[in-house]
Amino acid sequence: MIQRIRSVQPMPDYCLRVDFDDGRRVLYDVKEDMNLPGYSLLQQVPGLFQQVQLDSSRTCVYWDDEIDLPSDAIYEYGHEAKA
């Protein structure tokens, strides 16, 4: 089952706070993905990281046409966040 994201919020130090429909809340460290193609732009372009968006299906967050993260990866690799 694909986990649907309720909300995403950029946090300091290239982390995302993500709330899922099932009530789970995680912190996902995007720094771990900076070696992937295109992701270095999140550090190089001022303010880009803060422009994270949720796609209409709520199964992916993205910054542009090349930089995105699927909800299942965030769900699996994110660390439980405090409420």
PDB file of N, CA and C in Angstrom:
ATOM      1  N   MET A   1       0.831  -1.176   0.000  1.00  0.00           N
ATOM      2  CA  MET A   1       0.000   0.000   0.000  1.00  0.00           C
ATOM      3  C   MET A   1       0.883   1.250   0.000  1.00  0.00           C
ATOM      4  N   ILE A   2       0.598   2.166  -0.865  1.00  0.00           N
ATOM      5  CA  ILE A   2       1.349   3.410  -0.937  1.00  0.00           C
ATOM      6  C   ILE A   2       0.853   4.352   0.153  1.00  0.00           C
ATOM      7  N   GLN A   3       1.781   4.852   0.922  1.00  0.00           N
ATOM      8  CA  GLN A   3       1.435   5.781   1.997  1.00  0.00           C
ATOM      9  C   GLN A   3       1.183   7.177   1.421  1.00  0.00           C
ATOM     10  N   ARG A   4       0.100   7.795   1.818  1.00  0.00           N
ATOM     11  CA  ARG A   4      -0.224   9.145   1.360  1.00  0.00           C
ATOM     12  C   ARG A   4       0.203  10.166   2.412  1.00  0.00           C
ATOM     13  N   ILE A   5       0.776  11.239   1.911  1.00  0.00           N
ATOM     14  CA  ILE A   5       1.280  12.303   2.759  1.00  0.00           C
ATOM     15  C   ILE A   5       0.168  13.316   3.015  1.00  0.00           C
ATOM     16  N   ARG A   6       0.007  13.689   4.261  1.00  0.00           N
ATOM     17  CA  ARG A   6      -0.958  14.722   4.637  1.00  0.00           C
ATOM     18  C   ARG A   6      -0.324  16.111   4.518  1.00  0.00           C
ATOM     19  N   SER A   7       0.933  16.244   4.987  1.00  0.00           N
ATOM     20  CA  SER A   7       1.610  17.538   4.912  1.00  0.00           C
ATOM     21  C   SER A   7       3.118  17.341   4.933  1.00  0.00           C
ATOM     22  N   VAL A   8       3.821  18.335   4.385  1.00  0.00           N
ATOM     23  CA  VAL A   8       5.282  18.342   4.404  1.00  0.00           C
ATOM     24  C   VAL A   8       5.738  19.743   4.770  1.00  0.00           C
ATOM     25  N   GLN A   9       6.773  19.798   5.608  1.00  0.00           N
ATOM     26  CA  GLN A   9       7.289  21.079   6.060  1.00  0.00           C
ATOM     27  C   GLN A   9       8.813  21.022   6.048  1.00  0.00           C
ATOM     28  N   PRO A  10       9.467  21.981   5.361  1.00  0.00           N
ATOM     29  CA  PRO A  10      10.932  22.019   5.399  1.00  0.00           C
ATOM     30  C   PRO A  10      11.402  22.463   6.783  1.00  0.00           C
ATOM     31  N   MET A  11      12.442  21.822   7.257  1.00  0.00           N
ATOM     32  CA  MET A  11      13.020  22.115   8.564  1.00  0.00           C
ATOM     33  C   MET A  11      14.491  22.518   8.370  1.00  0.00           C
ATOM     34  N   PRO A  12      15.126  23.025   9.427  1.00  0.00           N
ATOM     35  CA  PRO A  12      16.551  23.372   9.316  1.00  0.00           C
ATOM     36  C   PRO A  12      17.410  22.155   8.961  1.00  0.00           C
ATOM     37  N   ASP A  13      18.567  22.438   8.392  1.00  0.00           N
ATOM     38  CA  ASP A  13      19.588  21.428   8.098  1.00  0.00           C
ATOM     39  C   ASP A  13      19.111  20.369   7.098  1.00  0.00           C
ATOM     40  N   TYR A  14      18.294  20.777   6.131  1.00  0.00           N
ATOM     41  CA  TYR A  14      17.841  19.919   5.034  1.00  0.00           C
ATOM     42  C   TYR A  14      17.063  18.685   5.495  1.00  0.00           C
ATOM     43  N   CYS A  15      16.207  18.896   6.476  1.00  0.00           N
ATOM     44  CA  CYS A  15      15.293  17.842   6.921  1.00  0.00           C
ATOM     45  C   CYS A  15      13.867  18.231   6.551  1.00  0.00           C
ATOM     46  N   LEU A  16      13.042  17.218   6.345  1.00  0.00           N
ATOM     47  CA  LEU A  16      11.623  17.421   6.091  1.00  0.00           C
ATOM     48  C   LEU A  16      10.821  16.809   7.234  1.00  0.00           C
ATOM     49  N   ARG A  17       9.808  17.514   7.672  1.00  0.00           N
ATOM     50  CA  ARG A  17       8.850  16.968   8.625  1.00  0.00           C
ATOM     51  C   ARG A  17       7.631  16.570   7.809  1.00  0.00           C
ATOM     52  N   VAL A  18       7.296  15.287   7.844  1.00  0.00           N
ATOM     53  CA  VAL A  18       6.241  14.748   6.987  1.00  0.00           C
ATOM     54  C   VAL A  18       5.194  14.041   7.835  1.00  0.00           C
ATOM     55  N   ASP A  19       3.941  14.432   7.646  1.00  0.00           N
ATOM     56  CA  ASP A  19       2.806  13.790   8.304  1.00  0.00           C
ATOM     57  C   ASP A  19       2.078  12.930   7.284  1.00  0.00           C
ATOM     58  N   PHE A  20       1.791  11.689   7.668  1.00  0.00           N
ATOM     59  CA  PHE A  20       1.099  10.757   6.797  1.00  0.00           C
ATOM     60  C   PHE A  20      -0.352  10.603   7.237  1.00  0.00           C
ATOM     61  N   ASP A  21      -1.183  10.133   6.325  1.00  0.00           N
ATOM     62  CA  ASP A  21      -2.605   9.940   6.605  1.00  0.00           C
ATOM     63  C   ASP A  21      -2.863   8.971   7.761  1.00  0.00           C
ATOM     64  N   ASP A  22      -1.957   8.009   7.967  1.00  0.00           N
ATOM     65  CA  ASP A  22      -2.170   7.030   9.042  1.00  0.00           C
ATOM     66  C   ASP A  22      -1.768   7.569  10.414  1.00  0.00           C
ATOM     67  N   GLY A  23      -1.353   8.846  10.464  1.00  0.00           N
ATOM     68  CA  GLY A  23      -0.983   9.465  11.735  1.00  0.00           C
ATOM     69  C   GLY A  23       0.501   9.451  12.029  1.00  0.00           C
ATOM     70  N   ARG A  24       1.269   8.720  11.243  1.00  0.00           N
ATOM     71  CA  ARG A  24       2.714   8.686  11.461  1.00  0.00           C
ATOM     72  C   ARG A  24       3.325  10.023  11.069  1.00  0.00           C
ATOM     73  N   ARG A  25       4.276  10.493  11.872  1.00  0.00           N
ATOM     74  CA  ARG A  25       5.012  11.737  11.597  1.00  0.00           C
ATOM     75  C   ARG A  25       6.500  11.404  11.636  1.00  0.00           C
ATOM     76  N   VAL A  26       7.212  11.778  10.576  1.00  0.00           N
ATOM     77  CA  VAL A  26       8.635  11.465  10.507  1.00  0.00           C
ATOM     78  C   VAL A  26       9.447  12.709  10.154  1.00  0.00           C
ATOM     79  N   LEU A  27      10.731  12.632  10.503  1.00  0.00           N
ATOM     80  CA  LEU A  27      11.723  13.569  10.016  1.00  0.00           C
ATOM     81  C   LEU A  27      12.571  12.807   9.010  1.00  0.00           C
ATOM     82  N   TYR A  28      12.699  13.375   7.820  1.00  0.00           N
ATOM     83  CA  TYR A  28      13.475  12.735   6.768  1.00  0.00           C
ATOM     84  C   TYR A  28      14.667  13.630   6.449  1.00  0.00           C
ATOM     85  N   ASP A  29      15.867  13.072   6.551  1.00  0.00           N
ATOM     86  CA  ASP A  29      17.101  13.817   6.327  1.00  0.00           C
ATOM     87  C   ASP A  29      17.473  13.768   4.844  1.00  0.00           C
ATOM     88  N   VAL A  30      17.230  14.851   4.143  1.00  0.00           N
ATOM     89  CA  VAL A  30      17.495  14.913   2.704  1.00  0.00           C
ATOM     90  C   VAL A  30      19.000  14.958   2.421  1.00  0.00           C
ATOM     91  N   LYS A  31      19.811  15.335   3.401  1.00  0.00           N
ATOM     92  CA  LYS A  31      21.268  15.359   3.197  1.00  0.00           C
ATOM     93  C   LYS A  31      21.784  13.995   2.752  1.00  0.00           C
ATOM     94  N   GLU A  32      21.135  12.935   3.184  1.00  0.00           N
ATOM     95  CA  GLU A  32      21.556  11.580   2.811  1.00  0.00           C
ATOM     96  C   GLU A  32      21.358  11.313   1.317  1.00  0.00           C
ATOM     97  N   ASP A  33      20.567  12.137   0.643  1.00  0.00           N
ATOM     98  CA  ASP A  33      20.301  11.964  -0.787  1.00  0.00           C
ATOM     99  C   ASP A  33      21.090  12.942  -1.663  1.00  0.00           C
ATOM    100  N   MET A  34      21.916  13.783  -1.064  1.00  0.00           N
ATOM    101  CA  MET A  34      22.594  14.838  -1.816  1.00  0.00           C
ATOM    102  C   MET A  34      23.544  14.312  -2.889  1.00  0.00           C
ATOM    103  N   ASN A  35      23.921  13.038  -2.826  1.00  0.00           N
ATOM    104  CA  ASN A  35      24.774  12.468  -3.859  1.00  0.00           C
ATOM    105  C   ASN A  35      23.983  12.011  -5.091  1.00  0.00           C
ATOM    106  N   LEU A  36      22.654  12.050  -5.012  1.00  0.00           N
ATOM    107  CA  LEU A  36      21.823  11.667  -6.156  1.00  0.00           C
ATOM    108  C   LEU A  36      21.807  12.787  -7.196  1.00  0.00           C
ATOM    109  N   PRO A  37      21.622  12.445  -8.473  1.00  0.00           N
ATOM    110  CA  PRO A  37      21.623  13.469  -9.530  1.00  0.00           C
ATOM    111  C   PRO A  37      20.617  14.582  -9.259  1.00  0.00           C
ATOM    112  N   GLY A  38      21.097  15.802  -9.319  1.00  0.00           N
ATOM    113  CA  GLY A  38      20.247  16.973  -9.177  1.00  0.00           C
ATOM    114  C   GLY A  38      20.052  17.466  -7.764  1.00  0.00           C
ATOM    115  N   TYR A  39      20.200  16.603  -6.778  1.00  0.00           N
ATOM    116  CA  TYR A  39      19.915  16.982  -5.401  1.00  0.00           C
ATOM    117  C   TYR A  39      20.852  18.050  -4.855  1.00  0.00           C
ATOM    118  N   SER A  40      22.062  18.147  -5.394  1.00  0.00           N
ATOM    119  CA  SER A  40      22.997  19.165  -4.902  1.00  0.00           C
ATOM    120  C   SER A  40      22.450  20.577  -5.119  1.00  0.00           C
ATOM    121  N   LEU A  41      21.525  20.737  -6.063  1.00  0.00           N
ATOM    122  CA  LEU A  41      20.905  22.053  -6.277  1.00  0.00           C
ATOM    123  C   LEU A  41      20.170  22.540  -5.034  1.00  0.00           C
ATOM    124  N   LEU A  42      19.697  21.609  -4.206  1.00  0.00           N
ATOM    125  CA  LEU A  42      18.984  22.002  -2.991  1.00  0.00           C
ATOM    126  C   LEU A  42      19.898  22.778  -2.045  1.00  0.00           C
ATOM    127  N   GLN A  43      21.209  22.514  -2.121  1.00  0.00           N
ATOM    128  CA  GLN A  43      22.179  23.251  -1.320  1.00  0.00           C
ATOM    129  C   GLN A  43      22.729  24.455  -2.076  1.00  0.00           C
ATOM    130  N   GLN A  44      22.808  24.358  -3.379  1.00  0.00           N
ATOM    131  CA  GLN A  44      23.438  25.405  -4.180  1.00  0.00           C
ATOM    132  C   GLN A  44      22.524  26.582  -4.482  1.00  0.00           C
ATOM    133  N   VAL A  45      21.227  26.342  -4.629  1.00  0.00           N
ATOM    134  CA  VAL A  45      20.283  27.406  -4.987  1.00  0.00           C
ATOM    135  C   VAL A  45      19.618  27.923  -3.707  1.00  0.00           C
ATOM    136  N   PRO A  46      19.915  29.153  -3.315  1.00  0.00           N
ATOM    137  CA  PRO A  46      19.344  29.695  -2.080  1.00  0.00           C
ATOM    138  C   PRO A  46      17.808  29.643  -2.088  1.00  0.00           C
ATOM    139  N   GLY A  47      17.243  29.096  -1.015  1.00  0.00           N
ATOM    140  CA  GLY A  47      15.797  29.057  -0.849  1.00  0.00           C
ATOM    141  C   GLY A  47      15.076  27.920  -1.541  1.00  0.00           C
ATOM    142  N   LEU A  48      15.757  27.164  -2.395  1.00  0.00           N
ATOM    143  CA  LEU A  48      15.084  26.087  -3.130  1.00  0.00           C
ATOM    144  C   LEU A  48      14.538  25.017  -2.189  1.00  0.00           C
ATOM    145  N   PHE A  49      15.311  24.619  -1.200  1.00  0.00           N
ATOM    146  CA  PHE A  49      14.858  23.556  -0.300  1.00  0.00           C
ATOM    147  C   PHE A  49      13.527  23.919   0.371  1.00  0.00           C
ATOM    148  N   GLN A  50      13.368  25.174   0.740  1.00  0.00           N
ATOM    149  CA  GLN A  50      12.150  25.624   1.418  1.00  0.00           C
ATOM    150  C   GLN A  50      10.932  25.627   0.493  1.00  0.00           C
ATOM    151  N   GLN A  51      11.134  25.442  -0.800  1.00  0.00           N
ATOM    152  CA  GLN A  51      10.036  25.447  -1.768  1.00  0.00           C
ATOM    153  C   GLN A  51       9.457  24.058  -2.017  1.00  0.00           C
ATOM    154  N   VAL A  52       9.717  23.118  -1.133  1.00  0.00           N
ATOM    155  CA  VAL A  52       9.201  21.761  -1.291  1.00  0.00           C
ATOM    156  C   VAL A  52       7.678  21.796  -1.432  1.00  0.00           C
ATOM    157  N   GLN A  53       7.154  20.921  -2.298  1.00  0.00           N
ATOM    158  CA  GLN A  53       5.723  20.844  -2.556  1.00  0.00           C
ATOM    159  C   GLN A  53       5.268  19.389  -2.520  1.00  0.00           C
ATOM    160  N   LEU A  54       3.989  19.212  -2.302  1.00  0.00           N
ATOM    161  CA  LEU A  54       3.362  17.896  -2.303  1.00  0.00           C
ATOM    162  C   LEU A  54       2.609  17.736  -3.615  1.00  0.00           C
ATOM    163  N   ASP A  55       2.833  16.617  -4.317  1.00  0.00           N
ATOM    164  CA  ASP A  55       2.125  16.429  -5.587  1.00  0.00           C
ATOM    165  C   ASP A  55       0.647  16.129  -5.337  1.00  0.00           C
ATOM    166  N   SER A  56      -0.150  16.230  -6.377  1.00  0.00           N
ATOM    167  CA  SER A  56      -1.610  16.102  -6.238  1.00  0.00           C
ATOM    168  C   SER A  56      -2.051  14.714  -5.779  1.00  0.00           C
ATOM    169  N   SER A  57      -1.267  13.680  -6.048  1.00  0.00           N
ATOM    170  CA  SER A  57      -1.617  12.331  -5.598  1.00  0.00           C
ATOM    171  C   SER A  57      -1.255  12.106  -4.130  1.00  0.00           C
ATOM    172  N   ARG A  58      -0.472  13.026  -3.564  1.00  0.00           N
ATOM    173  CA  ARG A  58       0.022  12.969  -2.189  1.00  0.00           C
ATOM    174  C   ARG A  58       0.913  11.760  -1.946  1.00  0.00           C
ATOM    175  N   THR A  59       1.607  11.294  -2.997  1.00  0.00           N
ATOM    176  CA  THR A  59       2.525  10.168  -2.872  1.00  0.00           C
ATOM    177  C   THR A  59       3.960  10.559  -3.186  1.00  0.00           C
ATOM    178  N   CYS A  60       4.215  11.860  -3.276  1.00  0.00           N
ATOM    179  CA  CYS A  60       5.542  12.334  -3.641  1.00  0.00           C
ATOM    180  C   CYS A  60       5.691  13.794  -3.216  1.00  0.00           C
ATOM    181  N   VAL A  61       6.897  14.153  -2.763  1.00  0.00           N
ATOM    182  CA  VAL A  61       7.224  15.560  -2.568  1.00  0.00           C
ATOM    183  C   VAL A  61       8.249  15.919  -3.631  1.00  0.00           C
ATOM    184  N   TYR A  62       8.251  17.187  -4.038  1.00  0.00           N
ATOM    185  CA  TYR A  62       9.163  17.574  -5.109  1.00  0.00           C
ATOM    186  C   TYR A  62       9.571  19.035  -4.975  1.00  0.00           C
ATOM    187  N   TRP A  63      10.654  19.355  -5.670  1.00  0.00           N
ATOM    188  CA  TRP A  63      11.149  20.723  -5.727  1.00  0.00           C
ATOM    189  C   TRP A  63      11.101  21.260  -7.150  1.00  0.00           C
ATOM    190  N   ASP A  64      11.372  20.400  -8.116  1.00  0.00           N
ATOM    191  CA  ASP A  64      11.286  20.769  -9.525  1.00  0.00           C
ATOM    192  C   ASP A  64      11.073  19.491 -10.333  1.00  0.00           C
ATOM    193  N   ASP A  65      11.220  19.572 -11.649  1.00  0.00           N
ATOM    194  CA  ASP A  65      10.961  18.409 -12.515  1.00  0.00           C
ATOM    195  C   ASP A  65      11.954  17.271 -12.316  1.00  0.00           C
ATOM    196  N   GLU A  66      13.090  17.552 -11.679  1.00  0.00           N
ATOM    197  CA  GLU A  66      14.125  16.528 -11.539  1.00  0.00           C
ATOM    198  C   GLU A  66      14.360  16.070 -10.107  1.00  0.00           C
ATOM    199  N   ILE A  67      13.915  16.843  -9.134  1.00  0.00           N
ATOM    200  CA  ILE A  67      14.192  16.507  -7.733  1.00  0.00           C
ATOM    201  C   ILE A  67      12.885  16.178  -7.029  1.00  0.00           C
ATOM    202  N   ASP A  68      12.738  14.899  -6.657  1.00  0.00           N
ATOM    203  CA  ASP A  68      11.543  14.474  -5.933  1.00  0.00           C
ATOM    204  C   ASP A  68      11.854  13.288  -5.034  1.00  0.00           C
ATOM    205  N   LEU A  69      10.961  13.032  -4.111  1.00  0.00           N
ATOM    206  CA  LEU A  69      11.082  11.900  -3.189  1.00  0.00           C
ATOM    207  C   LEU A  69       9.727  11.205  -3.087  1.00  0.00           C
ATOM    208  N   PRO A  70       9.691   9.891  -3.289  1.00  0.00           N
ATOM    209  CA  PRO A  70       8.426   9.174  -3.154  1.00  0.00           C
ATOM    210  C   PRO A  70       8.057   8.978  -1.682  1.00  0.00           C
ATOM    211  N   SER A  71       6.771   8.940  -1.424  1.00  0.00           N
ATOM    212  CA  SER A  71       6.282   8.810  -0.043  1.00  0.00           C
ATOM    213  C   SER A  71       6.743   7.516   0.615  1.00  0.00           C
ATOM    214  N   ASP A  72       6.850   6.422  -0.144  1.00  0.00           N
ATOM    215  CA  ASP A  72       7.249   5.161   0.484  1.00  0.00           C
ATOM    216  C   ASP A  72       8.678   5.214   1.014  1.00  0.00           C
ATOM    217  N   ALA A  73       9.582   5.922   0.316  1.00  0.00           N
ATOM    218  CA  ALA A  73      10.960   6.064   0.803  1.00  0.00           C
ATOM    219  C   ALA A  73      10.995   6.923   2.066  1.00  0.00           C
ATOM    220  N   ILE A  74      10.214   8.003   2.071  1.00  0.00           N
ATOM    221  CA  ILE A  74      10.158   8.873   3.247  1.00  0.00           C
ATOM    222  C   ILE A  74       9.598   8.088   4.433  1.00  0.00           C
ATOM    223  N   TYR A  75       8.557   7.318   4.196  1.00  0.00           N
ATOM    224  CA  TYR A  75       7.903   6.532   5.250  1.00  0.00           C
ATOM    225  C   TYR A  75       8.870   5.498   5.827  1.00  0.00           C
ATOM    226  N   GLU A  76       9.575   4.809   4.944  1.00  0.00           N
ATOM    227  CA  GLU A  76      10.469   3.733   5.379  1.00  0.00           C
ATOM    228  C   GLU A  76      11.733   4.253   6.050  1.00  0.00           C
ATOM    229  N   TYR A  77      12.335   5.307   5.507  1.00  0.00           N
ATOM    230  CA  TYR A  77      13.635   5.761   5.994  1.00  0.00           C
ATOM    231  C   TYR A  77      13.578   6.972   6.918  1.00  0.00           C
ATOM    232  N   GLY A  78      12.407   7.559   7.067  1.00  0.00           N
ATOM    233  CA  GLY A  78      12.269   8.681   7.996  1.00  0.00           C
ATOM    234  C   GLY A  78      12.317   8.192   9.433  1.00  0.00           C
ATOM    235  N   HIS A  79      12.695   9.090  10.326  1.00  0.00           N
ATOM    236  CA  HIS A  79      12.789   8.770  11.755  1.00  0.00           C
ATOM    237  C   HIS A  79      11.590   9.378  12.471  1.00  0.00           C
ATOM    238  N   GLU A  80      11.019   8.621  13.369  1.00  0.00           N
ATOM    239  CA  GLU A  80       9.845   9.083  14.103  1.00  0.00           C
ATOM    240  C   GLU A  80      10.090  10.472  14.690  1.00  0.00           C
ATOM    241  N   ALA A  81       9.130  11.344  14.481  1.00  0.00           N
ATOM    242  CA  ALA A  81       9.214  12.718  14.992  1.00  0.00           C
ATOM    243  C   ALA A  81       8.272  12.873  16.161  1.00  0.00           C
ATOM    244  N   LYS A  82       8.630  13.768  17.061  1.00  0.00           N
ATOM    245  CA  LYS A  82       7.743  14.082  18.178  1.00  0.00           C
ATOM    246  C   LYS A  82       6.594  14.928  17.670  1.00  0.00           C
ATOM    247  N   ALA A  83       5.469  14.819  18.315  1.00  0.00           N
ATOM    248  CA  ALA A  83       4.278  15.552  17.895  1.00  0.00           C
ATOM    249  C   ALA A  83       4.440  17.037  17.900  1.00  0.00           C
TER     250      ALA A  83
END
